[in-house]
Amino acid sequence: MSDETPWLDQDEQNTWLTLFSVLTRLPGSLDNQLQRDAGINLFEYMILAALSVQPERRMRMSMLAAISEGSLPRLSQAVGRLEKRGWVLRSPDPEDGRYTLATLTDEGFEKVAATAPGHVAEVRRLVFDPLTKAQPRQLHDICGRIMRAVDPAGPYPGARPY
């Protein structure tokens, strides 16, 4: 250990460990609710939800990977599962055949619409209900500051700014 290392003080260490626990456990809790209530995982839900708000409910797989924070191979496997259920279709991009489009089907839109209320209720229960009225804005600001440090180039095109 070097004396030059700016070690975390006790408050910083406690904060870091609490944040780490949230980052580790919250996705699992949301995933459990979606598996139990809708038979899909959090990653699959995020794919369906991202497509549901796009023009014509479609986008390039590469952009969908960025939005869903997944690699192209992971996304391809998940979209394959969603295709088998009839919720997503893949097709070549007519503007540039080097790309593949993912399109949310009508059945996929019905699935995400039916799943969203339970997911939102769980997000509210786990994230917003424990906070005071002022804390959601503070949380947003804090997360934005962290994201700017993690990804200085900013969010993907069309996303809300950090």
C-alpha atoms as a PDB file:
ATOM      1  CA  MET A   1       0.000   0.000   0.000  1.00  0.00           C
ATOM      2  CA  SER A   2       1.303   3.393  -0.961  1.00  0.00           C
ATOM      3  CA  ASP A   3       1.102   6.508   1.198  1.00  0.00           C
ATOM      4  CA  GLU A   4       0.188   8.387  -2.004  1.00  0.00           C
ATOM      5  CA  THR A   5      -3.077   6.517  -2.453  1.00  0.00           C
ATOM      6  CA  PRO A   6      -6.060   8.712  -1.517  1.00  0.00           C
ATOM      7  CA  TRP A   7      -7.810   6.057   0.605  1.00  0.00           C
ATOM      8  CA  LEU A   8     -11.505   6.343   1.323  1.00  0.00           C
ATOM      9  CA  ASP A   9     -12.363   7.692   4.731  1.00  0.00           C
ATOM     10  CA  GLN A  10     -14.922   5.801   6.825  1.00  0.00           C
ATOM     11  CA  ASP A  11     -17.932   7.762   5.499  1.00  0.00           C
ATOM     12  CA  GLU A  12     -16.777   7.331   1.891  1.00  0.00           C
ATOM     13  CA  GLN A  13     -16.171   3.632   2.427  1.00  0.00           C
ATOM     14  CA  ASN A  14     -19.628   3.180   3.971  1.00  0.00           C
ATOM     15  CA  THR A  15     -21.201   5.092   1.086  1.00  0.00           C
ATOM     16  CA  TRP A  16     -19.289   3.075  -1.497  1.00  0.00           C
ATOM     17  CA  LEU A  17     -20.284  -0.246   0.081  1.00  0.00           C
ATOM     18  CA  THR A  18     -23.938   0.837   0.251  1.00  0.00           C
ATOM     19  CA  LEU A  19     -23.886   1.949  -3.387  1.00  0.00           C
ATOM     20  CA  PHE A  20     -22.204  -1.312  -4.373  1.00  0.00           C
ATOM     21  CA  SER A  21     -24.946  -3.264  -2.590  1.00  0.00           C
ATOM     22  CA  VAL A  22     -27.643  -1.309  -4.432  1.00  0.00           C
ATOM     23  CA  LEU A  23     -25.909  -1.803  -7.793  1.00  0.00           C
ATOM     24  CA  THR A  24     -25.584  -5.520  -7.086  1.00  0.00           C
ATOM     25  CA  ARG A  25     -28.963  -6.306  -5.522  1.00  0.00           C
ATOM     26  CA  LEU A  26     -31.451  -3.974  -7.213  1.00  0.00           C
ATOM     27  CA  PRO A  27     -31.191  -5.586 -10.678  1.00  0.00           C
ATOM     28  CA  GLY A  28     -31.731  -9.009  -9.109  1.00  0.00           C
ATOM     29  CA  SER A  29     -34.821  -7.832  -7.247  1.00  0.00           C
ATOM     30  CA  LEU A  30     -36.280  -6.303 -10.408  1.00  0.00           C
ATOM     31  CA  ASP A  31     -35.383  -9.424 -12.364  1.00  0.00           C
ATOM     32  CA  ASN A  32     -37.131 -11.634  -9.794  1.00  0.00           C
ATOM     33  CA  GLN A  33     -40.348  -9.619 -10.050  1.00  0.00           C
ATOM     34  CA  LEU A  34     -40.334  -9.773 -13.847  1.00  0.00           C
ATOM     35  CA  GLN A  35     -39.576 -13.511 -13.883  1.00  0.00           C
ATOM     36  CA  ARG A  36     -42.328 -14.199 -11.349  1.00  0.00           C
ATOM     37  CA  ASP A  37     -45.012 -11.964 -12.851  1.00  0.00           C
ATOM     38  CA  ALA A  38     -44.220 -11.911 -16.575  1.00  0.00           C
ATOM     39  CA  GLY A  39     -41.909 -14.837 -17.327  1.00  0.00           C
ATOM     40  CA  ILE A  40     -39.152 -12.598 -18.704  1.00  0.00           C
ATOM     41  CA  ASN A  41     -35.926 -11.267 -17.277  1.00  0.00           C
ATOM     42  CA  LEU A  42     -34.928  -7.647 -16.749  1.00  0.00           C
ATOM     43  CA  PHE A  43     -32.691  -7.574 -19.819  1.00  0.00           C
ATOM     44  CA  GLU A  44     -35.499  -8.897 -22.045  1.00  0.00           C
ATOM     45  CA  TYR A  45     -37.918  -6.372 -20.560  1.00  0.00           C
ATOM     46  CA  MET A  46     -35.499  -3.511 -21.232  1.00  0.00           C
ATOM     47  CA  ILE A  47     -35.248  -4.639 -24.870  1.00  0.00           C
ATOM     48  CA  LEU A  48     -39.027  -4.729 -25.269  1.00  0.00           C
ATOM     49  CA  ALA A  49     -39.461  -1.397 -23.493  1.00  0.00           C
ATOM     50  CA  ALA A  50     -36.749   0.298 -25.567  1.00  0.00           C
ATOM     51  CA  LEU A  51     -38.324  -0.898 -28.803  1.00  0.00           C
ATOM     52  CA  SER A  52     -41.821   0.097 -27.660  1.00  0.00           C
ATOM     53  CA  VAL A  53     -40.967   3.808 -27.645  1.00  0.00           C
ATOM     54  CA  GLN A  54     -39.098   3.926 -30.970  1.00  0.00           C
ATOM     55  CA  PRO A  55     -40.605   5.145 -34.234  1.00  0.00           C
ATOM     56  CA  GLU A  56     -42.177   2.113 -35.920  1.00  0.00           C
ATOM     57  CA  ARG A  57     -41.075   0.187 -32.794  1.00  0.00           C
ATOM     58  CA  ARG A  58     -37.751  -0.721 -34.407  1.00  0.00           C
ATOM     59  CA  MET A  59     -34.062   0.074 -34.198  1.00  0.00           C
ATOM     60  CA  ARG A  60     -30.696  -1.262 -35.187  1.00  0.00           C
ATOM     61  CA  MET A  61     -29.401  -4.055 -33.007  1.00  0.00           C
ATOM     62  CA  SER A  62     -26.191  -2.103 -32.352  1.00  0.00           C
ATOM     63  CA  MET A  63     -28.173   0.843 -30.944  1.00  0.00           C
ATOM     64  CA  LEU A  64     -30.386  -1.514 -28.959  1.00  0.00           C
ATOM     65  CA  ALA A  65     -27.263  -3.082 -27.435  1.00  0.00           C
ATOM     66  CA  ALA A  66     -26.065   0.365 -26.329  1.00  0.00           C
ATOM     67  CA  ILE A  67     -29.434   1.311 -24.862  1.00  0.00           C
ATOM     68  CA  SER A  68     -29.856  -1.977 -23.018  1.00  0.00           C
ATOM     69  CA  GLU A  69     -26.236  -1.937 -21.784  1.00  0.00           C
ATOM     70  CA  GLY A  70     -25.597  -5.353 -23.307  1.00  0.00           C
ATOM     71  CA  SER A  71     -23.046  -6.750 -25.708  1.00  0.00           C
ATOM     72  CA  LEU A  72     -24.159  -7.666 -29.228  1.00  0.00           C
ATOM     73  CA  PRO A  73     -23.814 -11.424 -28.532  1.00  0.00           C
ATOM     74  CA  ARG A  74     -25.897 -11.157 -25.337  1.00  0.00           C
ATOM     75  CA  LEU A  75     -28.469  -9.027 -27.139  1.00  0.00           C
ATOM     76  CA  SER A  76     -28.607 -11.459 -30.051  1.00  0.00           C
ATOM     77  CA  GLN A  77     -29.318 -14.373 -27.704  1.00  0.00           C
ATOM     78  CA  ALA A  78     -32.025 -12.443 -25.867  1.00  0.00           C
ATOM     79  CA  VAL A  79     -33.654 -11.235 -29.099  1.00  0.00           C
ATOM     80  CA  GLY A  80     -33.568 -14.833 -30.329  1.00  0.00           C
ATOM     81  CA  ARG A  81     -35.609 -15.871 -27.278  1.00  0.00           C
ATOM     82  CA  LEU A  82     -38.012 -12.981 -27.841  1.00  0.00           C
ATOM     83  CA  GLU A  83     -38.338 -13.937 -31.527  1.00  0.00           C
ATOM     84  CA  LYS A  84     -39.307 -17.495 -30.556  1.00  0.00           C
ATOM     85  CA  ARG A  85     -42.152 -16.023 -28.490  1.00  0.00           C
ATOM     86  CA  GLY A  86     -43.289 -13.881 -31.410  1.00  0.00           C
ATOM     87  CA  TRP A  87     -42.490 -10.584 -29.693  1.00  0.00           C
ATOM     88  CA  VAL A  88     -39.592  -9.353 -31.843  1.00  0.00           C
ATOM     89  CA  LEU A  89     -38.576  -9.787 -35.483  1.00  0.00           C
ATOM     90  CA  ARG A  90     -35.121  -9.299 -36.966  1.00  0.00           C
ATOM     91  CA  SER A  91     -34.554  -8.123 -40.510  1.00  0.00           C
ATOM     92  CA  PRO A  92     -31.804  -6.493 -42.590  1.00  0.00           C
ATOM     93  CA  ASP A  93     -31.773  -2.712 -42.444  1.00  0.00           C
ATOM     94  CA  PRO A  94     -33.033  -1.564 -45.879  1.00  0.00           C
ATOM     95  CA  GLU A  95     -30.914   1.600 -45.592  1.00  0.00           C
ATOM     96  CA  ASP A  96     -27.711  -0.353 -44.947  1.00  0.00           C
ATOM     97  CA  GLY A  97     -27.706  -4.130 -45.196  1.00  0.00           C
ATOM     98  CA  ARG A  98     -24.684  -4.391 -42.915  1.00  0.00           C
ATOM     99  CA  TYR A  99     -27.030  -3.707 -39.999  1.00  0.00           C
ATOM    100  CA  THR A 100     -29.866  -5.744 -38.546  1.00  0.00           C
ATOM    101  CA  LEU A 101     -33.098  -4.189 -37.312  1.00  0.00           C
ATOM    102  CA  ALA A 102     -35.071  -5.460 -34.337  1.00  0.00           C
ATOM    103  CA  THR A 103     -38.800  -4.740 -34.555  1.00  0.00           C
ATOM    104  CA  LEU A 104     -41.314  -5.126 -31.768  1.00  0.00           C
ATOM    105  CA  THR A 105     -44.361  -7.043 -32.998  1.00  0.00           C
ATOM    106  CA  ASP A 106     -47.933  -6.239 -31.976  1.00  0.00           C
ATOM    107  CA  GLU A 107     -47.781  -9.221 -29.620  1.00  0.00           C
ATOM    108  CA  GLY A 108     -44.524  -7.876 -28.172  1.00  0.00           C
ATOM    109  CA  PHE A 109     -46.101  -4.486 -27.642  1.00  0.00           C
ATOM    110  CA  GLU A 110     -49.013  -6.147 -25.831  1.00  0.00           C
ATOM    111  CA  LYS A 111     -46.523  -8.030 -23.645  1.00  0.00           C
ATOM    112  CA  VAL A 112     -44.570  -4.931 -22.655  1.00  0.00           C
ATOM    113  CA  ALA A 113     -47.814  -3.000 -22.046  1.00  0.00           C
ATOM    114  CA  ALA A 114     -49.109  -5.785 -19.794  1.00  0.00           C
ATOM    115  CA  THR A 115     -45.783  -6.105 -17.970  1.00  0.00           C
ATOM    116  CA  ALA A 116     -45.042  -2.401 -17.439  1.00  0.00           C
ATOM    117  CA  PRO A 117     -47.499  -1.712 -14.577  1.00  0.00           C
ATOM    118  CA  GLY A 118     -46.011  -4.428 -12.357  1.00  0.00           C
ATOM    119  CA  HIS A 119     -42.467  -3.399 -13.202  1.00  0.00           C
ATOM    120  CA  VAL A 120     -43.180   0.263 -12.480  1.00  0.00           C
ATOM    121  CA  ALA A 121     -44.840  -0.672  -9.194  1.00  0.00           C
ATOM    122  CA  GLU A 122     -41.725  -2.626  -8.181  1.00  0.00           C
ATOM    123  CA  VAL A 123     -39.413   0.236  -9.189  1.00  0.00           C
ATOM    124  CA  ARG A 124     -41.584   2.603  -7.163  1.00  0.00           C
ATOM    125  CA  ARG A 125     -41.583   0.253  -4.149  1.00  0.00           C
ATOM    126  CA  LEU A 126     -37.836  -0.388  -4.186  1.00  0.00           C
ATOM    127  CA  VAL A 127     -36.449   2.958  -5.359  1.00  0.00           C
ATOM    128  CA  PHE A 128     -38.870   5.834  -4.838  1.00  0.00           C
ATOM    129  CA  ASP A 129     -41.096   4.913  -1.893  1.00  0.00           C
ATOM    130  CA  PRO A 130     -38.152   4.827   0.573  1.00  0.00           C
ATOM    131  CA  LEU A 131     -37.099   8.371  -0.421  1.00  0.00           C
ATOM    132  CA  THR A 132     -38.278  11.740   0.822  1.00  0.00           C
ATOM    133  CA  LYS A 133     -39.917  14.136  -1.628  1.00  0.00           C
ATOM    134  CA  ALA A 134     -36.609  15.938  -2.322  1.00  0.00           C
ATOM    135  CA  GLN A 135     -34.421  12.854  -2.639  1.00  0.00           C
ATOM    136  CA  PRO A 136     -35.443  11.603  -6.140  1.00  0.00           C
ATOM    137  CA  ARG A 137     -34.074  14.799  -7.684  1.00  0.00           C
ATOM    138  CA  GLN A 138     -30.940  14.524  -5.564  1.00  0.00           C
ATOM    139  CA  LEU A 139     -30.529  10.890  -6.608  1.00  0.00           C
ATOM    140  CA  HIS A 140     -30.898  11.907 -10.258  1.00  0.00           C
ATOM    141  CA  ASP A 141     -28.255  14.604  -9.863  1.00  0.00           C
ATOM    142  CA  ILE A 142     -25.874  12.265  -8.039  1.00  0.00           C
ATOM    143  CA  CYS A 143     -26.294   9.495 -10.606  1.00  0.00           C
ATOM    144  CA  GLY A 144     -25.793  12.028 -13.404  1.00  0.00           C
ATOM    145  CA  ARG A 145     -22.517  13.175 -11.898  1.00  0.00           C
ATOM    146  CA  ILE A 146     -21.324   9.596 -11.566  1.00  0.00           C
ATOM    147  CA  MET A 147     -22.376   8.767 -15.137  1.00  0.00           C
ATOM    148  CA  ARG A 148     -20.510  11.797 -16.495  1.00  0.00           C
ATOM    149  CA  ALA A 149     -17.372  10.456 -14.783  1.00  0.00           C
ATOM    150  CA  VAL A 150     -18.004   6.922 -16.074  1.00  0.00           C
ATOM    151  CA  ASP A 151     -18.949   7.980 -19.607  1.00  0.00           C
ATOM    152  CA  PRO A 152     -17.714  11.515 -20.382  1.00  0.00           C
ATOM    153  CA  ALA A 153     -18.831  11.176 -24.020  1.00  0.00           C
ATOM    154  CA  GLY A 154     -22.395  11.238 -22.811  1.00  0.00           C
ATOM    155  CA  PRO A 155     -25.409   9.073 -23.407  1.00  0.00           C
ATOM    156  CA  TYR A 156     -26.358   7.416 -26.650  1.00  0.00           C
ATOM    157  CA  PRO A 157     -28.155   9.568 -29.266  1.00  0.00           C
ATOM    158  CA  GLY A 158     -31.752  10.330 -28.377  1.00  0.00           C
ATOM    159  CA  ALA A 159     -31.355   9.532 -24.690  1.00  0.00           C
ATOM    160  CA  ARG A 160     -32.219  11.891 -21.895  1.00  0.00           C
ATOM    161  CA  PRO A 161     -29.061  13.604 -20.656  1.00  0.00           C
ATOM    162  CA  TYR A 162     -27.500  12.379 -17.437  1.00  0.00           C
END
